[in-house]
Amino acid sequence: MLKELKANNLWRNIPVIMISALDEIDSVVRCIERGAEDYLPKPFDPVLLRARIGACLEKKQLRDQEVLYLKDVTRVTDAAAAVEDGTFAAEKLSDVTLRSDELGRLARVFQRMAVEVRAREQRLKQQIQELCIEIDEVKKAQQIAEITETDYFYQLKQKANDLRGRGKKS
C-alpha cells in the first residue's frame, strides 16, 4: 500500500509513519526504502508518536517551502533567459518580487535592471537610426559635392550662365 501511495503524484509528498508489530530490521528498512518517513514498532508510546508526527510535519513544511523557493528561482532564471532572447516581461516576476527574502530582493533588482536595459536598448536603437539618417545625408552631400566640384560641372555651369546672359540681351 505504501508503494502505491508514493507512486501517486497527489499523495506522494504526504509523510507516512509506519506502525507495525514486526520488529525486524528488514521490515523497517523495507518501509523506509518504500518512502516511509519513520517507523514505530507496536506497542508504541503516544508521546513518541506525537513527537514523530510533529517532526514529519515540520520536515514536510520545509520541503514545501523549498519546492516553492525552487519554483521562484526557476522563474528568475527563466526571466534571465527571456532578457537574453528579448522576450522579457517584467510582470512575470511580480510574485517573486513580493518575497521578503533575498530571492525577492534579487528578483526586484533583476526586474529593475532588465527594464533599464530594455530602455537603453530602445534609446540606442533610436540613436542608431538617427545616425544612419545623418550618415545618409552626409553621403548625399558628398555625392553632390563630388558632382558639383568637377571641372565638367563648372563648364556646364559656365555655359548655362552664358546662355542665360544671351537670353537677357535679346
Protein backbone atom coordinates (compact mmCIF):
# COMPACT_ATOMS: atom_id res chain seq x y z
CA MET A 1 0.00 0.00 0.00
CA LEU A 2 2.86 2.40 0.78
CA LYS A 3 4.32 1.83 -2.67
CA GLU A 4 1.02 2.78 -4.35
CA LEU A 5 0.64 5.81 -2.10
CA LYS A 6 4.10 7.10 -3.00
CA ALA A 7 3.52 6.37 -6.71
CA ASN A 8 0.51 8.72 -6.80
CA ASN A 9 1.51 12.35 -7.51
CA LEU A 10 -1.36 13.60 -5.39
CA TRP A 11 -0.25 11.69 -2.28
CA ARG A 12 3.50 11.32 -2.87
CA ASN A 13 4.60 14.12 -0.57
CA ILE A 14 2.43 13.22 2.41
CA PRO A 15 4.64 11.94 5.21
CA VAL A 16 3.91 8.38 6.35
CA ILE A 17 4.83 6.85 9.68
CA MET A 18 4.61 3.07 9.66
CA ILE A 19 3.42 1.34 12.82
CA SER A 20 3.80 -2.40 12.88
CA ALA A 21 4.09 -5.32 15.26
CA LEU A 22 7.02 -6.53 13.18
CA ASP A 23 10.21 -5.56 14.89
CA GLU A 24 12.64 -6.97 12.36
CA ILE A 25 15.22 -4.60 10.94
CA ASP A 26 14.49 -5.88 7.40
CA SER A 27 10.87 -4.78 7.75
CA VAL A 28 11.92 -1.33 8.98
CA VAL A 29 14.42 -0.92 6.14
CA ARG A 30 11.85 -2.02 3.56
CA CYS A 31 9.34 0.56 4.82
CA ILE A 32 11.90 3.37 4.77
CA GLU A 33 13.07 2.37 1.27
CA ARG A 34 9.49 2.49 0.03
CA GLY A 35 9.08 6.04 1.27
CA ALA A 36 8.03 5.94 4.91
CA GLU A 37 9.32 8.89 6.91
CA ASP A 38 9.52 6.92 10.12
CA TYR A 39 8.74 3.58 11.70
CA LEU A 40 7.42 2.73 15.13
CA PRO A 41 7.07 -0.79 16.49
CA LYS A 42 3.95 -1.81 18.37
CA PRO A 43 3.24 -1.17 21.14
CA PHE A 44 4.17 2.48 20.71
CA ASP A 45 4.29 5.37 23.12
CA PRO A 46 1.69 8.05 22.16
CA VAL A 47 4.06 10.83 23.25
CA LEU A 48 6.75 9.46 20.93
CA LEU A 49 4.21 9.14 18.10
CA ARG A 50 3.11 12.77 18.62
CA ALA A 51 6.74 13.91 18.57
CA ARG A 52 7.47 11.98 15.38
CA ILE A 53 4.31 13.31 13.71
CA GLY A 54 5.39 16.84 14.63
CA ALA A 55 8.86 16.23 13.21
CA CYS A 56 7.43 14.75 10.00
CA LEU A 57 5.06 17.67 9.53
CA GLU A 58 7.87 20.14 10.12
CA LYS A 59 10.02 18.39 7.50
CA LYS A 60 7.08 18.42 5.09
CA GLN A 61 6.56 22.12 5.65
CA LEU A 62 10.24 22.77 4.98
CA ARG A 63 10.09 20.63 1.83
CA ASP A 64 7.02 22.53 0.63
CA GLN A 65 8.81 25.83 1.23
CA GLU A 66 11.83 24.52 -0.65
CA VAL A 67 9.66 23.49 -3.60
CA LEU A 68 8.09 26.96 -3.74
CA TYR A 69 11.51 28.56 -3.42
CA LEU A 70 12.88 26.47 -6.27
CA LYS A 71 9.88 27.35 -8.43
CA ASP A 72 10.60 31.03 -7.81
CA VAL A 73 14.30 30.50 -8.57
CA THR A 74 13.21 28.91 -11.84
CA ARG A 75 11.04 31.94 -12.59
CA VAL A 76 14.03 34.23 -12.08
CA THR A 77 16.28 32.09 -14.30
CA ASP A 78 13.52 31.91 -16.92
CA ALA A 79 13.32 35.70 -16.76
CA ALA A 80 17.08 35.90 -17.35
CA ALA A 81 16.70 33.70 -20.43
CA ALA A 82 13.83 35.90 -21.59
CA VAL A 83 16.02 39.01 -21.25
CA GLU A 84 18.66 37.27 -23.31
CA ASP A 85 16.26 36.41 -26.14
CA GLY A 86 14.36 39.70 -25.97
CA THR A 87 11.03 38.38 -24.67
CA PHE A 88 11.25 39.56 -21.05
CA ALA A 89 8.02 40.76 -19.46
CA ALA A 90 8.53 42.42 -16.07
CA GLU A 91 5.14 41.32 -14.75
CA LYS A 92 6.21 37.67 -14.88
CA LEU A 93 8.44 38.33 -11.87
CA SER A 94 5.87 40.30 -9.90
CA ASP A 95 5.02 37.48 -7.48
CA VAL A 96 8.68 36.75 -6.79
CA THR A 97 9.41 40.43 -6.15
CA LEU A 98 6.88 40.35 -3.31
CA ARG A 99 9.01 37.90 -1.35
CA SER A 100 10.72 39.42 1.69
CA ASP A 101 13.84 37.27 1.44
CA GLU A 102 17.00 37.52 -0.64
CA LEU A 103 15.34 35.88 -3.63
CA GLY A 104 12.70 38.60 -3.59
CA ARG A 105 15.42 41.22 -3.43
CA LEU A 106 17.25 39.57 -6.31
CA ALA A 107 14.04 39.50 -8.35
CA ARG A 108 13.37 43.19 -7.65
CA VAL A 109 16.90 44.20 -8.63
CA PHE A 110 16.82 41.96 -11.69
CA GLN A 111 13.44 43.28 -12.77
CA ARG A 112 14.58 46.89 -12.42
CA MET A 113 17.82 46.20 -14.28
CA ALA A 114 16.02 44.36 -17.07
CA VAL A 115 13.64 47.29 -17.54
CA GLU A 116 16.61 49.68 -17.60
CA VAL A 117 18.44 47.51 -20.13
CA ARG A 118 15.37 47.45 -22.36
CA ALA A 119 15.07 51.25 -22.14
CA ARG A 120 18.76 51.64 -23.01
CA GLU A 121 18.41 49.28 -25.94
CA GLN A 122 15.49 51.30 -27.25
CA ARG A 123 17.43 54.56 -26.86
CA LEU A 124 20.43 53.02 -28.62
CA LYS A 125 18.24 51.79 -31.47
CA GLN A 126 16.81 55.29 -31.83
CA GLN A 127 20.29 56.80 -31.81
CA ILE A 128 21.46 54.29 -34.41
CA GLN A 129 18.50 55.16 -36.59
CA GLU A 130 19.28 58.87 -36.25
CA LEU A 131 22.95 58.23 -37.04
CA CYS A 132 22.00 56.23 -40.11
CA ILE A 133 19.90 59.16 -41.32
CA GLU A 134 22.79 61.56 -40.67
CA ILE A 135 25.21 59.26 -42.47
CA ASP A 136 22.85 59.05 -45.44
CA GLU A 137 22.59 62.84 -45.53
CA VAL A 138 26.38 63.23 -45.35
CA LYS A 139 26.79 60.67 -48.14
CA LYS A 140 24.29 62.55 -50.29
CA ALA A 141 26.09 65.83 -49.61
CA GLN A 142 29.41 64.21 -50.52
CA GLN A 143 27.96 62.78 -53.72
CA ILE A 144 26.53 66.17 -54.64
CA ALA A 145 29.87 67.81 -53.84
CA GLU A 146 31.70 65.26 -55.97
CA ILE A 147 29.47 66.14 -58.89
CA THR A 148 29.35 69.90 -58.42
CA GLU A 149 33.07 70.30 -57.83
CA THR A 150 34.17 68.72 -61.09
CA ASP A 151 35.59 70.68 -63.99
CA TYR A 152 32.83 69.31 -66.18
CA PHE A 153 30.16 70.73 -63.84
CA TYR A 154 31.93 74.11 -63.75
CA GLN A 155 31.98 74.12 -67.55
CA LEU A 156 28.27 73.28 -67.70
CA LYS A 157 27.54 75.98 -65.17
CA GLN A 158 29.50 78.49 -67.20
CA LYS A 159 27.66 77.51 -70.39
CA ALA A 160 24.33 77.84 -68.58
CA ASN A 161 25.28 81.31 -67.36
CA ASP A 162 26.39 82.27 -70.87
CA LEU A 163 23.10 81.04 -72.31
CA ARG A 164 21.16 82.97 -69.70
CA GLY A 165 23.19 86.06 -70.46
CA ARG A 166 22.39 85.78 -74.19
CA GLY A 167 18.72 85.28 -73.45
CA LYS A 168 18.59 88.50 -71.45
CA LYS A 169 20.31 90.52 -74.22
CA SER A 170 17.77 89.52 -76.82
